[in-house]
Amino acid sequence: MTKKLWLLNLLLVVTIALIGRELREDWRKAREREKKMLSRKVEAAKPPPVPPSPAPAPLQAVGYMDVVQQSLFAKDRNPNVIVDPPPPPAPPPPFPKFYGVMNLGDGPEAIMAEASGRQQRAIRVGGKIGEFTLAAIRTEDMDLGWKDKQFTKRFTELREKENENRQQQQDTSRSSDPPPPPRPVARPAQATPGPAEDMGGGFSACAAGDTSPAGTIVGGKKKVVNATPFGQVCRWEPVQ
């Protein structure tokens, strides 16, 4: 057993000696490479040749044309013709008034009136109201064409400003005045069956509170009630 230990120790000593020899040889080679790198001389690069500066161009009379033509006291004294800019485009006329949209099953119609009038009538897509042409109707806005231009207007922009201002004044006065005493609630009177306000084209609107059934004929007009995505739409149309 002791002999095996001696052999093992001897083997370890020999291995360590060989490893130390290899490390020393690598260290020596590294030192030689370092000396060669440090002792190498690097030649400085020669600067590029400087090109000669170009000779100045000869003087020409054409180069002083601006000095001759322009005057120190009037900048516009030159042969250039000043062209007046084109006039600004004319603004569009006042937009028509908007009162609502209805759809009786054959396409949406906008209830509108000209800006200078009160006569309401139903306008389909492609129809004209004053100087404008109704190009499209959507849920909250519409397109109005005028000449070669097209304007997108929301319904709230085309409603009557007078009613909005009057409503704002009423709201302001109500907020400043003390609340009135409660009044007895009166039952609304039943409206007389028959056409109400004229909508144009022979059609009339239904009066508020009119409970007459659909198909009632009064004054040569028949009551028609249609269900649309916006709710029930009522109107009186001529009897054919």
Protein backbone atom coordinates (compact mmCIF):
# COMPACT_ATOMS: atom_id res chain seq x y z
CA MET A 1 0.00 0.00 0.00
CA THR A 2 2.84 2.38 0.84
CA LYS A 3 4.57 1.60 -2.43
CA LYS A 4 1.44 2.56 -4.42
CA LEU A 5 1.22 5.88 -2.59
CA TRP A 6 4.85 6.62 -3.43
CA LEU A 7 4.24 5.85 -7.09
CA LEU A 8 1.14 8.07 -7.14
CA ASN A 9 3.01 10.96 -5.52
CA LEU A 10 5.86 10.58 -7.98
CA LEU A 11 3.42 10.67 -10.89
CA LEU A 12 1.83 13.86 -9.54
CA VAL A 13 5.26 15.51 -9.15
CA VAL A 14 6.20 14.66 -12.72
CA THR A 15 2.84 15.98 -14.02
CA ILE A 16 3.25 19.25 -12.10
CA ALA A 17 6.80 19.64 -13.45
CA LEU A 18 5.63 19.15 -17.04
CA ILE A 19 2.78 21.63 -16.61
CA GLY A 20 5.18 24.17 -15.10
CA ARG A 21 7.57 23.71 -17.99
CA GLU A 22 4.79 24.34 -20.54
CA LEU A 23 3.63 27.45 -18.70
CA ARG A 24 7.15 28.82 -18.56
CA GLU A 25 7.63 28.15 -22.29
CA ASP A 26 4.37 29.99 -23.11
CA TRP A 27 5.40 32.92 -20.90
CA ARG A 28 8.78 33.12 -22.65
CA LYS A 29 7.22 33.14 -26.10
CA ALA A 30 4.75 35.84 -25.06
CA ARG A 31 7.62 38.01 -23.78
CA GLU A 32 9.45 37.62 -27.11
CA ARG A 33 6.35 38.64 -29.08
CA GLU A 34 5.89 41.66 -26.82
CA LYS A 35 9.50 42.78 -27.39
CA LYS A 36 9.12 42.44 -31.16
CA MET A 37 5.88 44.49 -31.16
CA LEU A 38 7.39 47.25 -29.02
CA SER A 39 10.60 47.43 -31.01
CA ARG A 40 8.85 47.71 -34.39
CA LYS A 41 9.03 51.16 -35.97
CA VAL A 42 5.95 52.57 -37.71
CA GLU A 43 6.62 54.94 -40.56
CA ALA A 44 4.46 58.09 -40.57
CA ALA A 45 2.14 58.44 -43.56
CA LYS A 46 2.94 61.25 -45.93
CA PRO A 47 0.34 64.04 -46.07
CA PRO A 48 -1.68 64.28 -49.28
CA PRO A 49 -0.59 66.95 -51.70
CA VAL A 50 -2.49 70.24 -51.43
CA PRO A 51 -4.21 71.10 -54.73
CA PRO A 52 -3.56 74.59 -56.01
CA SER A 53 -6.38 77.12 -55.49
CA PRO A 54 -8.41 77.86 -58.65
CA ALA A 55 -7.66 81.06 -60.45
CA PRO A 56 -10.35 83.79 -60.07
CA ALA A 57 -12.80 84.08 -62.94
CA PRO A 58 -12.47 87.11 -65.16
CA LEU A 59 -14.87 89.98 -64.53
CA GLN A 60 -18.02 90.03 -66.70
CA ALA A 61 -20.50 92.86 -67.15
CA VAL A 62 -23.46 90.43 -66.97
CA GLY A 63 -22.69 89.80 -63.31
CA TYR A 64 -23.52 93.44 -62.47
CA MET A 65 -26.92 93.44 -64.24
CA ASP A 66 -28.87 93.58 -60.95
CA VAL A 67 -26.86 96.55 -59.73
CA VAL A 68 -27.62 98.46 -62.93
CA GLN A 69 -31.35 97.60 -63.11
CA GLN A 70 -32.37 98.05 -59.50
CA SER A 71 -32.60 101.47 -57.90
CA LEU A 72 -31.75 102.23 -54.31
CA PHE A 73 -34.91 104.37 -53.99
CA ALA A 74 -37.46 102.08 -55.74
CA LYS A 75 -37.18 98.30 -55.47
CA ASP A 76 -39.76 97.70 -58.22
CA ARG A 77 -37.86 99.60 -60.93
CA ASN A 78 -36.77 96.60 -62.97
CA PRO A 79 -37.89 94.88 -66.19
CA ASN A 80 -39.83 92.21 -64.25
CA VAL A 81 -43.61 92.61 -64.57
CA ILE A 82 -45.44 92.28 -61.25
CA VAL A 83 -48.55 90.16 -61.76
CA ASP A 84 -51.38 90.73 -59.30
CA PRO A 85 -52.36 87.59 -57.38
CA PRO A 86 -55.72 86.05 -58.25
CA PRO A 87 -58.64 87.21 -56.11
CA PRO A 88 -59.60 84.97 -53.21
CA PRO A 89 -62.41 82.51 -53.89
CA ALA A 90 -65.91 83.73 -53.10
CA PRO A 91 -67.30 82.44 -49.80
CA PRO A 92 -70.24 80.03 -49.97
CA PRO A 93 -73.76 81.39 -49.41
CA PRO A 94 -75.51 80.83 -46.07
CA PHE A 95 -76.15 77.16 -45.45
CA PRO A 96 -79.75 75.90 -45.36
CA LYS A 97 -81.59 75.14 -42.13
CA PHE A 98 -82.00 71.57 -40.92
CA TYR A 99 -85.01 70.22 -38.99
CA GLY A 100 -84.69 66.44 -39.04
CA VAL A 101 -84.30 63.19 -41.03
CA MET A 102 -86.98 60.68 -41.93
CA ASN A 103 -86.92 57.38 -43.79
CA LEU A 104 -90.19 55.97 -45.10
CA GLY A 105 -88.56 52.86 -46.53
CA ASP A 106 -87.37 54.32 -49.83
CA GLY A 107 -84.24 56.11 -48.58
CA PRO A 108 -83.49 58.84 -46.05
CA GLU A 109 -84.88 62.34 -46.54
CA ALA A 110 -83.70 65.53 -44.83
CA ILE A 111 -86.31 68.08 -43.73
CA MET A 112 -84.68 71.39 -44.66
CA ALA A 113 -85.46 74.98 -45.57
CA GLU A 114 -83.50 77.68 -47.33
CA ALA A 115 -81.49 80.05 -45.14
CA SER A 116 -83.72 83.01 -46.06
CA GLY A 117 -87.07 81.23 -45.77
CA ARG A 118 -89.28 79.15 -43.48
CA GLN A 119 -90.81 76.77 -46.02
CA GLN A 120 -89.74 73.24 -45.04
CA ARG A 121 -89.57 70.41 -47.52
CA ALA A 122 -88.11 66.91 -47.75
CA ILE A 123 -84.86 66.65 -49.74
CA ARG A 124 -83.44 63.36 -51.03
CA VAL A 125 -79.80 62.67 -51.89
CA GLY A 126 -79.10 64.52 -55.15
CA GLY A 127 -81.82 67.11 -54.58
CA LYS A 128 -81.19 70.86 -54.41
CA ILE A 129 -82.00 73.24 -51.57
CA GLY A 130 -81.25 76.81 -52.62
CA GLU A 131 -77.76 76.88 -54.19
CA PHE A 132 -76.67 73.65 -52.46
CA THR A 133 -77.02 70.02 -53.53
CA LEU A 134 -77.53 67.29 -50.93
CA ALA A 135 -74.71 64.82 -51.67
CA ALA A 136 -75.00 62.36 -48.75
CA ILE A 137 -76.87 61.81 -45.46
CA ARG A 138 -75.33 59.96 -42.52
CA THR A 139 -76.28 59.36 -38.90
CA GLU A 140 -74.97 62.67 -37.51
CA ASP A 141 -73.88 64.73 -40.52
CA MET A 142 -74.44 65.35 -44.22
CA ASP A 143 -72.50 66.49 -47.31
CA LEU A 144 -73.60 69.63 -49.17
CA GLY A 145 -72.21 70.48 -52.61
CA TRP A 146 -71.83 74.03 -53.90
CA LYS A 147 -70.29 74.61 -57.35
CA ASP A 148 -67.13 72.44 -57.38
CA LYS A 149 -66.78 72.27 -53.58
CA GLN A 150 -68.24 69.94 -50.98
CA PHE A 151 -68.90 70.74 -47.30
CA THR A 152 -69.48 68.25 -44.47
CA LYS A 153 -71.87 69.72 -41.90
CA ARG A 154 -73.16 68.18 -38.68
CA PHE A 155 -76.88 68.35 -37.99
CA THR A 156 -76.28 70.54 -34.93
CA GLU A 157 -74.49 73.14 -37.08
CA LEU A 158 -77.43 73.53 -39.46
CA ARG A 159 -80.20 73.90 -36.88
CA GLU A 160 -81.74 77.34 -36.39
CA LYS A 161 -79.50 79.51 -34.22
CA GLU A 162 -82.46 81.66 -33.18
CA ASN A 163 -84.15 78.78 -31.36
CA GLU A 164 -80.87 77.84 -29.66
CA ASN A 165 -80.22 81.44 -28.54
CA ARG A 166 -83.81 81.80 -27.34
CA GLN A 167 -83.50 78.54 -25.39
CA GLN A 168 -80.22 79.69 -23.82
CA GLN A 169 -81.80 83.00 -22.77
CA GLN A 170 -84.74 81.15 -21.25
CA ASP A 171 -82.42 78.81 -19.37
CA THR A 172 -80.41 81.79 -18.07
CA SER A 173 -83.52 83.64 -16.88
CA ARG A 174 -84.86 80.50 -15.24
CA SER A 175 -81.60 79.94 -13.35
CA SER A 176 -81.55 83.56 -12.07
CA ASP A 177 -85.26 83.86 -11.14
CA PRO A 178 -86.70 82.10 -8.08
CA PRO A 179 -88.56 78.89 -8.90
CA PRO A 180 -92.29 79.53 -9.56
CA PRO A 181 -94.91 77.80 -7.45
CA PRO A 182 -96.10 74.47 -8.78
CA ARG A 183 -99.00 74.69 -11.18
CA PRO A 184 -101.77 72.15 -11.48
CA VAL A 185 -101.08 69.63 -14.20
CA ALA A 186 -103.58 69.92 -17.02
CA ARG A 187 -104.29 67.06 -19.32
CA PRO A 188 -103.26 67.76 -22.91
CA ALA A 189 -106.18 68.29 -25.23
CA GLN A 190 -106.59 65.72 -27.92
CA ALA A 191 -105.57 67.11 -31.31
CA THR A 192 -108.14 67.22 -34.10
CA PRO A 193 -107.32 64.57 -36.72
CA GLY A 194 -106.02 66.12 -39.91
CA PRO A 195 -102.90 67.41 -41.69
CA ALA A 196 -100.73 69.92 -39.85
CA GLU A 197 -97.77 71.91 -41.22
CA ASP A 198 -97.08 71.66 -44.98
CA MET A 199 -93.83 69.78 -45.76
CA GLY A 200 -93.78 70.50 -49.52
CA GLY A 201 -94.50 68.18 -52.41
CA GLY A 202 -98.11 67.74 -51.27
CA PHE A 203 -97.06 66.12 -47.95
CA SER A 204 -98.03 67.41 -44.49
CA ALA A 205 -96.78 66.68 -41.00
CA CYS A 206 -98.87 65.07 -38.26
CA ALA A 207 -100.04 67.22 -35.39
CA ALA A 208 -98.78 66.43 -31.89
CA GLY A 209 -101.32 64.34 -29.99
CA ASP A 210 -103.10 63.11 -33.11
CA THR A 211 -104.30 59.61 -32.15
CA SER A 212 -106.23 58.85 -35.30
CA PRO A 213 -105.30 55.45 -36.79
CA ALA A 214 -103.22 55.03 -39.93
CA GLY A 215 -105.33 55.18 -43.09
CA THR A 216 -107.59 58.01 -41.85
CA ILE A 217 -108.56 60.34 -44.73
CA VAL A 218 -109.14 64.03 -43.99
CA GLY A 219 -109.29 66.81 -46.58
CA GLY A 220 -108.13 64.62 -49.47
CA LYS A 221 -105.06 63.35 -47.60
CA LYS A 222 -104.44 59.96 -45.99
CA LYS A 223 -102.52 59.40 -42.76
CA VAL A 224 -99.49 57.08 -43.22
CA VAL A 225 -97.39 55.71 -40.33
CA ASN A 226 -94.12 53.89 -41.09
CA ALA A 227 -91.66 52.18 -38.72
CA THR A 228 -88.04 53.25 -39.35
CA PRO A 229 -84.73 52.75 -37.48
CA PHE A 230 -85.31 56.25 -36.04
CA GLY A 231 -88.77 55.36 -34.69
CA GLN A 232 -92.27 55.75 -36.12
CA VAL A 233 -92.67 58.46 -38.78
CA CYS A 234 -96.09 59.94 -39.44
CA ARG A 235 -97.20 62.06 -42.41
CA TRP A 236 -100.24 62.91 -44.50
CA GLU A 237 -99.97 62.26 -48.22
CA PRO A 238 -102.42 62.99 -51.05
CA VAL A 239 -104.98 60.29 -51.79
CA GLN A 240 -104.35 58.86 -55.25
